Amino acid sequence: MTVGSPSASGREAAALDEVLWQAWKAMELPEGYRAEIIEESIEVSPTGRRRHGVAVNRLRRALHGYPADGDHAAFQGLNVVHRRKVWIPDLVIAPLDLDEIPDEEGFGVDASGVAAVFEVVSPGHEARSRDRKRKRRAYARAGIPLYVIVDDFDGDGTVTVLTSPNPDKAVYTDEHRIPYGTDAVVPDGPAKGFVIGDAIVKP
């Protein structure tokens, strides 16, 4: 079998995934930092600045008790795991009973049971690229139905609502980019009808 054949490439990718997973599990980070496995690398980043924390907390409070079916809730600080990748979204909408969707090693929740993720973009080129591009592909590849990006750094600020993931292509096929000053509305799922407006995004 030649190197570079689909089977060889698949084995190499699986081996890299396992190496990254084992390295991630062994990491000991100083307080104020977090590590995620995004695509083919471990990314270490500081926890958010004041503005980031304010926006995330406003989202969390607004979502408290909101999910319409009563069986889901908004969570902060959860590890979301998918095939040896791990992410820590700013907010996750998932079943109230997280024991329904454990990952196989008990580090967090399995992405297959996550209804939505929310990210508030942090300053800096790498942070913007992570939330707008790399995590967008990762969440779509995992089939997470809804990804919402609150982005102070896109023009005068935007909320992007992404739905209809295509895992094979790692894309969301439906995208609505709403400027600050106009309400962004979640179209479907447990948070259907949830409005992200000035009360959440204003400085």
C-alpha atoms as a PDB file:
ATOM      1  CA  MET A   1       0.000   0.000   0.000  1.00  0.00           C
ATOM      2  CA  THR A   2       1.414   3.388  -0.935  1.00  0.00           C
ATOM      3  CA  VAL A   3       1.895   6.216   1.514  1.00  0.00           C
ATOM      4  CA  GLY A   4      -0.788   8.820   0.955  1.00  0.00           C
ATOM      5  CA  SER A   5      -3.518   6.330   0.097  1.00  0.00           C
ATOM      6  CA  PRO A   6      -6.848   7.043   1.847  1.00  0.00           C
ATOM      7  CA  SER A   7      -6.274   4.193   4.325  1.00  0.00           C
ATOM      8  CA  ALA A   8      -2.764   5.355   5.189  1.00  0.00           C
ATOM      9  CA  SER A   9      -3.917   8.948   5.548  1.00  0.00           C
ATOM     10  CA  GLY A  10      -6.775   7.820   7.760  1.00  0.00           C
ATOM     11  CA  ARG A  11      -4.420   5.879  10.016  1.00  0.00           C
ATOM     12  CA  GLU A  12      -2.060   8.841  10.296  1.00  0.00           C
ATOM     13  CA  ALA A  13      -4.942  11.170  11.182  1.00  0.00           C
ATOM     14  CA  ALA A  14      -6.234   8.733  13.801  1.00  0.00           C
ATOM     15  CA  ALA A  15      -2.755   8.405  15.306  1.00  0.00           C
ATOM     16  CA  LEU A  16      -2.368  12.196  15.487  1.00  0.00           C
ATOM     17  CA  ASP A  17      -5.810  12.501  17.079  1.00  0.00           C
ATOM     18  CA  GLU A  18      -4.808   9.995  19.749  1.00  0.00           C
ATOM     19  CA  VAL A  19      -1.483  11.760  20.452  1.00  0.00           C
ATOM     20  CA  LEU A  20      -3.242  15.117  20.823  1.00  0.00           C
ATOM     21  CA  TRP A  21      -5.924  13.576  23.037  1.00  0.00           C
ATOM     22  CA  GLN A  22      -3.382  11.987  25.371  1.00  0.00           C
ATOM     23  CA  ALA A  23      -1.351  15.216  25.508  1.00  0.00           C
ATOM     24  CA  TRP A  24      -4.471  17.259  26.253  1.00  0.00           C
ATOM     25  CA  LYS A  25      -5.464  14.935  29.087  1.00  0.00           C
ATOM     26  CA  ALA A  26      -2.014  15.273  30.642  1.00  0.00           C
ATOM     27  CA  MET A  27      -1.850  19.073  30.491  1.00  0.00           C
ATOM     28  CA  GLU A  28      -1.680  21.134  33.666  1.00  0.00           C
ATOM     29  CA  LEU A  29      -2.378  24.775  32.904  1.00  0.00           C
ATOM     30  CA  PRO A  30      -1.954  27.794  35.160  1.00  0.00           C
ATOM     31  CA  GLU A  31      -5.125  29.415  36.404  1.00  0.00           C
ATOM     32  CA  GLY A  32      -6.742  31.637  33.822  1.00  0.00           C
ATOM     33  CA  TYR A  33      -5.933  29.452  30.804  1.00  0.00           C
ATOM     34  CA  ARG A  34      -7.802  26.764  28.923  1.00  0.00           C
ATOM     35  CA  ALA A  35      -6.802  24.206  26.293  1.00  0.00           C
ATOM     36  CA  GLU A  36      -8.888  22.906  23.412  1.00  0.00           C
ATOM     37  CA  ILE A  37      -8.220  20.475  20.571  1.00  0.00           C
ATOM     38  CA  ILE A  38      -9.359  22.311  17.451  1.00  0.00           C
ATOM     39  CA  GLU A  39      -8.830  20.532  14.176  1.00  0.00           C
ATOM     40  CA  GLU A  40      -5.248  19.202  14.258  1.00  0.00           C
ATOM     41  CA  SER A  41      -3.753  21.158  17.152  1.00  0.00           C
ATOM     42  CA  ILE A  42      -4.027  21.931  20.839  1.00  0.00           C
ATOM     43  CA  GLU A  43      -4.811  25.605  21.314  1.00  0.00           C
ATOM     44  CA  VAL A  44      -4.159  27.271  24.666  1.00  0.00           C
ATOM     45  CA  SER A  45      -5.854  30.595  25.306  1.00  0.00           C
ATOM     46  CA  PRO A  46      -6.496  32.873  28.271  1.00  0.00           C
ATOM     47  CA  THR A  47      -9.957  33.138  29.718  1.00  0.00           C
ATOM     48  CA  GLY A  48     -11.902  36.140  28.457  1.00  0.00           C
ATOM     49  CA  ARG A  49     -11.420  39.793  29.322  1.00  0.00           C
ATOM     50  CA  ARG A  50     -14.005  41.877  31.170  1.00  0.00           C
ATOM     51  CA  ARG A  51     -16.066  42.752  28.078  1.00  0.00           C
ATOM     52  CA  HIS A  52     -16.096  39.093  27.028  1.00  0.00           C
ATOM     53  CA  GLY A  53     -17.264  38.008  30.478  1.00  0.00           C
ATOM     54  CA  VAL A  54     -20.001  40.644  30.572  1.00  0.00           C
ATOM     55  CA  ALA A  55     -21.423  39.547  27.199  1.00  0.00           C
ATOM     56  CA  VAL A  56     -21.284  35.844  28.062  1.00  0.00           C
ATOM     57  CA  ASN A  57     -22.962  36.459  31.419  1.00  0.00           C
ATOM     58  CA  ARG A  58     -25.732  38.490  29.764  1.00  0.00           C
ATOM     59  CA  LEU A  59     -26.340  35.643  27.330  1.00  0.00           C
ATOM     60  CA  ARG A  60     -26.389  33.063  30.107  1.00  0.00           C
ATOM     61  CA  ARG A  61     -28.806  35.064  32.246  1.00  0.00           C
ATOM     62  CA  ALA A  62     -31.103  35.748  29.301  1.00  0.00           C
ATOM     63  CA  LEU A  63     -31.128  32.053  28.384  1.00  0.00           C
ATOM     64  CA  HIS A  64     -31.798  30.913  31.967  1.00  0.00           C
ATOM     65  CA  GLY A  65     -35.060  29.020  31.893  1.00  0.00           C
ATOM     66  CA  TYR A  66     -35.634  30.043  28.291  1.00  0.00           C
ATOM     67  CA  PRO A  67     -35.309  26.826  26.287  1.00  0.00           C
ATOM     68  CA  ALA A  68     -38.867  26.195  25.243  1.00  0.00           C
ATOM     69  CA  ASP A  69     -39.041  22.439  25.803  1.00  0.00           C
ATOM     70  CA  GLY A  70     -38.052  22.647  29.475  1.00  0.00           C
ATOM     71  CA  ASP A  71     -35.656  19.722  29.020  1.00  0.00           C
ATOM     72  CA  HIS A  72     -32.631  21.837  28.049  1.00  0.00           C
ATOM     73  CA  ALA A  73     -30.586  24.516  29.756  1.00  0.00           C
ATOM     74  CA  ALA A  74     -27.644  26.845  29.118  1.00  0.00           C
ATOM     75  CA  PHE A  75     -24.289  25.744  30.575  1.00  0.00           C
ATOM     76  CA  GLN A  76     -20.966  27.527  30.915  1.00  0.00           C
ATOM     77  CA  GLY A  77     -17.507  25.941  31.100  1.00  0.00           C
ATOM     78  CA  LEU A  78     -18.420  22.551  29.616  1.00  0.00           C
ATOM     79  CA  ASN A  79     -16.010  20.405  27.633  1.00  0.00           C
ATOM     80  CA  VAL A  80     -17.721  19.347  24.400  1.00  0.00           C
ATOM     81  CA  VAL A  81     -16.071  16.224  22.973  1.00  0.00           C
ATOM     82  CA  HIS A  82     -16.242  14.813  19.446  1.00  0.00           C
ATOM     83  CA  ARG A  83     -13.930  12.088  18.142  1.00  0.00           C
ATOM     84  CA  ARG A  84     -10.844  13.038  20.155  1.00  0.00           C
ATOM     85  CA  LYS A  85     -11.476  16.762  19.696  1.00  0.00           C
ATOM     86  CA  VAL A  86     -12.504  18.920  22.634  1.00  0.00           C
ATOM     87  CA  TRP A  87     -13.869  22.460  22.748  1.00  0.00           C
ATOM     88  CA  ILE A  88     -14.970  24.759  25.552  1.00  0.00           C
ATOM     89  CA  PRO A  89     -17.647  27.025  24.083  1.00  0.00           C
ATOM     90  CA  ASP A  90     -18.632  30.153  25.959  1.00  0.00           C
ATOM     91  CA  LEU A  91     -22.163  28.738  26.321  1.00  0.00           C
ATOM     92  CA  VAL A  92     -23.765  25.403  25.468  1.00  0.00           C
ATOM     93  CA  ILE A  93     -27.422  24.457  25.249  1.00  0.00           C
ATOM     94  CA  ALA A  94     -27.747  20.823  26.232  1.00  0.00           C
ATOM     95  CA  PRO A  95     -30.118  18.496  28.099  1.00  0.00           C
ATOM     96  CA  LEU A  96     -30.746  19.421  31.741  1.00  0.00           C
ATOM     97  CA  ASP A  97     -29.535  15.959  32.671  1.00  0.00           C
ATOM     98  CA  LEU A  98     -26.012  15.983  31.273  1.00  0.00           C
ATOM     99  CA  ASP A  99     -25.653  12.322  32.243  1.00  0.00           C
ATOM    100  CA  GLU A 100     -27.742  11.625  29.134  1.00  0.00           C
ATOM    101  CA  ILE A 101     -24.857  12.721  26.873  1.00  0.00           C
ATOM    102  CA  PRO A 102     -21.535  11.795  28.521  1.00  0.00           C
ATOM    103  CA  ASP A 103     -18.406  11.456  26.444  1.00  0.00           C
ATOM    104  CA  GLU A 104     -16.839   8.015  26.645  1.00  0.00           C
ATOM    105  CA  GLU A 105     -14.083   8.991  29.106  1.00  0.00           C
ATOM    106  CA  GLY A 106     -16.096  11.314  31.312  1.00  0.00           C
ATOM    107  CA  PHE A 107     -14.311  14.571  30.482  1.00  0.00           C
ATOM    108  CA  GLY A 108     -17.439  16.417  29.357  1.00  0.00           C
ATOM    109  CA  VAL A 109     -20.422  15.938  27.096  1.00  0.00           C
ATOM    110  CA  ASP A 110     -20.630  14.333  23.683  1.00  0.00           C
ATOM    111  CA  ALA A 111     -21.233  16.793  20.852  1.00  0.00           C
ATOM    112  CA  SER A 112     -23.970  14.550  19.448  1.00  0.00           C
ATOM    113  CA  GLY A 113     -26.284  15.647  22.275  1.00  0.00           C
ATOM    114  CA  VAL A 114     -25.497  19.376  22.164  1.00  0.00           C
ATOM    115  CA  ALA A 115     -28.288  21.534  20.714  1.00  0.00           C
ATOM    116  CA  ALA A 116     -26.368  24.816  20.350  1.00  0.00           C
ATOM    117  CA  VAL A 117     -23.100  26.576  21.049  1.00  0.00           C
ATOM    118  CA  PHE A 118     -22.474  30.305  21.531  1.00  0.00           C
ATOM    119  CA  GLU A 119     -19.121  32.060  21.218  1.00  0.00           C
ATOM    120  CA  VAL A 120     -18.300  35.676  22.069  1.00  0.00           C
ATOM    121  CA  VAL A 121     -15.301  36.668  19.957  1.00  0.00           C
ATOM    122  CA  SER A 122     -12.248  37.892  21.858  1.00  0.00           C
ATOM    123  CA  PRO A 123      -9.804  40.524  20.577  1.00  0.00           C
ATOM    124  CA  GLY A 124      -6.775  39.490  18.582  1.00  0.00           C
ATOM    125  CA  HIS A 125      -6.255  37.876  15.184  1.00  0.00           C
ATOM    126  CA  GLU A 126      -5.923  34.325  16.521  1.00  0.00           C
ATOM    127  CA  ALA A 127      -9.037  34.586  18.699  1.00  0.00           C
ATOM    128  CA  ARG A 128     -11.086  35.968  15.816  1.00  0.00           C
ATOM    129  CA  SER A 129      -9.870  33.269  13.446  1.00  0.00           C
ATOM    130  CA  ARG A 130     -10.565  30.567  16.016  1.00  0.00           C
ATOM    131  CA  ASP A 131     -14.239  31.487  16.507  1.00  0.00           C
ATOM    132  CA  ARG A 132     -15.034  32.618  12.950  1.00  0.00           C
ATOM    133  CA  LYS A 133     -13.249  29.865  11.038  1.00  0.00           C
ATOM    134  CA  ARG A 134     -11.725  26.943  12.923  1.00  0.00           C
ATOM    135  CA  LYS A 135     -14.493  26.445  15.478  1.00  0.00           C
ATOM    136  CA  ARG A 136     -17.102  27.081  12.813  1.00  0.00           C
ATOM    137  CA  ARG A 137     -15.723  24.146  10.804  1.00  0.00           C
ATOM    138  CA  ALA A 138     -15.322  22.010  13.924  1.00  0.00           C
ATOM    139  CA  TYR A 139     -18.875  22.539  15.176  1.00  0.00           C
ATOM    140  CA  ALA A 140     -20.321  21.913  11.704  1.00  0.00           C
ATOM    141  CA  ARG A 141     -18.217  18.742  11.365  1.00  0.00           C
ATOM    142  CA  ALA A 142     -19.673  17.543  14.682  1.00  0.00           C
ATOM    143  CA  GLY A 143     -23.208  18.253  13.444  1.00  0.00           C
ATOM    144  CA  ILE A 144     -24.080  20.741  16.204  1.00  0.00           C
ATOM    145  CA  PRO A 145     -27.384  22.206  14.933  1.00  0.00           C
ATOM    146  CA  LEU A 146     -26.874  25.853  15.939  1.00  0.00           C
ATOM    147  CA  TYR A 147     -23.778  28.036  16.257  1.00  0.00           C
ATOM    148  CA  VAL A 148     -24.154  31.676  17.303  1.00  0.00           C
ATOM    149  CA  ILE A 149     -21.191  34.079  17.089  1.00  0.00           C
ATOM    150  CA  VAL A 150     -21.347  37.420  18.913  1.00  0.00           C
ATOM    151  CA  ASP A 151     -18.617  39.494  17.304  1.00  0.00           C
ATOM    152  CA  ASP A 152     -17.655  43.014  18.435  1.00  0.00           C
ATOM    153  CA  PHE A 153     -14.895  43.069  15.812  1.00  0.00           C
ATOM    154  CA  ASP A 154     -16.936  42.511  12.643  1.00  0.00           C
ATOM    155  CA  GLY A 155     -17.536  46.053  11.423  1.00  0.00           C
ATOM    156  CA  ASP A 156     -19.591  47.796  14.110  1.00  0.00           C
ATOM    157  CA  GLY A 157     -20.498  44.397  15.567  1.00  0.00           C
ATOM    158  CA  THR A 158     -22.558  41.471  14.325  1.00  0.00           C
ATOM    159  CA  VAL A 159     -24.398  38.408  15.535  1.00  0.00           C
ATOM    160  CA  THR A 160     -24.054  35.477  13.134  1.00  0.00           C
ATOM    161  CA  VAL A 161     -26.618  32.672  13.421  1.00  0.00           C
ATOM    162  CA  LEU A 162     -25.498  29.461  11.706  1.00  0.00           C
ATOM    163  CA  THR A 163     -27.791  26.456  11.199  1.00  0.00           C
ATOM    164  CA  SER A 164     -28.138  23.355   8.991  1.00  0.00           C
ATOM    165  CA  PRO A 165     -24.668  21.843   9.437  1.00  0.00           C
ATOM    166  CA  ASN A 166     -23.187  19.618   6.748  1.00  0.00           C
ATOM    167  CA  PRO A 167     -20.717  17.419   8.667  1.00  0.00           C
ATOM    168  CA  ASP A 168     -19.157  15.916   5.539  1.00  0.00           C
ATOM    169  CA  LYS A 169     -18.174  19.358   4.236  1.00  0.00           C
ATOM    170  CA  ALA A 170     -17.669  20.952   7.684  1.00  0.00           C
ATOM    171  CA  VAL A 171     -19.916  23.878   6.795  1.00  0.00           C
ATOM    172  CA  TYR A 172     -23.146  25.441   7.962  1.00  0.00           C
ATOM    173  CA  THR A 173     -25.411  25.814   4.954  1.00  0.00           C
ATOM    174  CA  ASP A 174     -27.668  28.494   6.434  1.00  0.00           C
ATOM    175  CA  GLU A 175     -26.136  31.750   7.689  1.00  0.00           C
ATOM    176  CA  HIS A 176     -27.690  34.986   8.921  1.00  0.00           C
ATOM    177  CA  ARG A 177     -25.325  37.842   9.798  1.00  0.00           C
ATOM    178  CA  ILE A 178     -27.164  40.553  11.723  1.00  0.00           C
ATOM    179  CA  PRO A 179     -25.584  43.916  12.612  1.00  0.00           C
ATOM    180  CA  TYR A 180     -25.742  45.207  16.171  1.00  0.00           C
ATOM    181  CA  GLY A 181     -28.840  47.363  16.559  1.00  0.00           C
ATOM    182  CA  THR A 182     -31.048  44.729  14.889  1.00  0.00           C
ATOM    183  CA  ASP A 183     -32.399  41.769  16.845  1.00  0.00           C
ATOM    184  CA  ALA A 184     -30.974  38.358  15.939  1.00  0.00           C
ATOM    185  CA  VAL A 185     -33.496  35.567  16.515  1.00  0.00           C
ATOM    186  CA  VAL A 186     -32.733  31.868  16.985  1.00  0.00           C
ATOM    187  CA  PRO A 187     -34.854  30.117  14.345  1.00  0.00           C
ATOM    188  CA  ASP A 188     -35.205  26.603  15.719  1.00  0.00           C
ATOM    189  CA  GLY A 189     -34.362  24.105  18.440  1.00  0.00           C
ATOM    190  CA  PRO A 190     -34.756  24.368  22.222  1.00  0.00           C
ATOM    191  CA  ALA A 191     -33.926  28.101  22.130  1.00  0.00           C
ATOM    192  CA  LYS A 192     -36.287  28.870  19.256  1.00  0.00           C
ATOM    193  CA  GLY A 193     -37.340  32.522  19.345  1.00  0.00           C
ATOM    194  CA  PHE A 194     -34.520  33.612  21.662  1.00  0.00           C
ATOM    195  CA  VAL A 195     -33.559  37.196  20.807  1.00  0.00           C
ATOM    196  CA  ILE A 196     -30.011  38.550  20.898  1.00  0.00           C
ATOM    197  CA  GLY A 197     -30.330  42.323  20.876  1.00  0.00           C
ATOM    198  CA  ASP A 198     -28.856  45.467  22.381  1.00  0.00           C
ATOM    199  CA  ALA A 199     -29.554  44.356  25.943  1.00  0.00           C
ATOM    200  CA  ILE A 200     -26.929  41.619  25.410  1.00  0.00           C
ATOM    201  CA  VAL A 201     -24.446  43.095  22.949  1.00  0.00           C
ATOM    202  CA  LYS A 202     -24.303  46.763  23.968  1.00  0.00           C
ATOM    203  CA  PRO A 203     -20.941  47.874  25.474  1.00  0.00           C
END
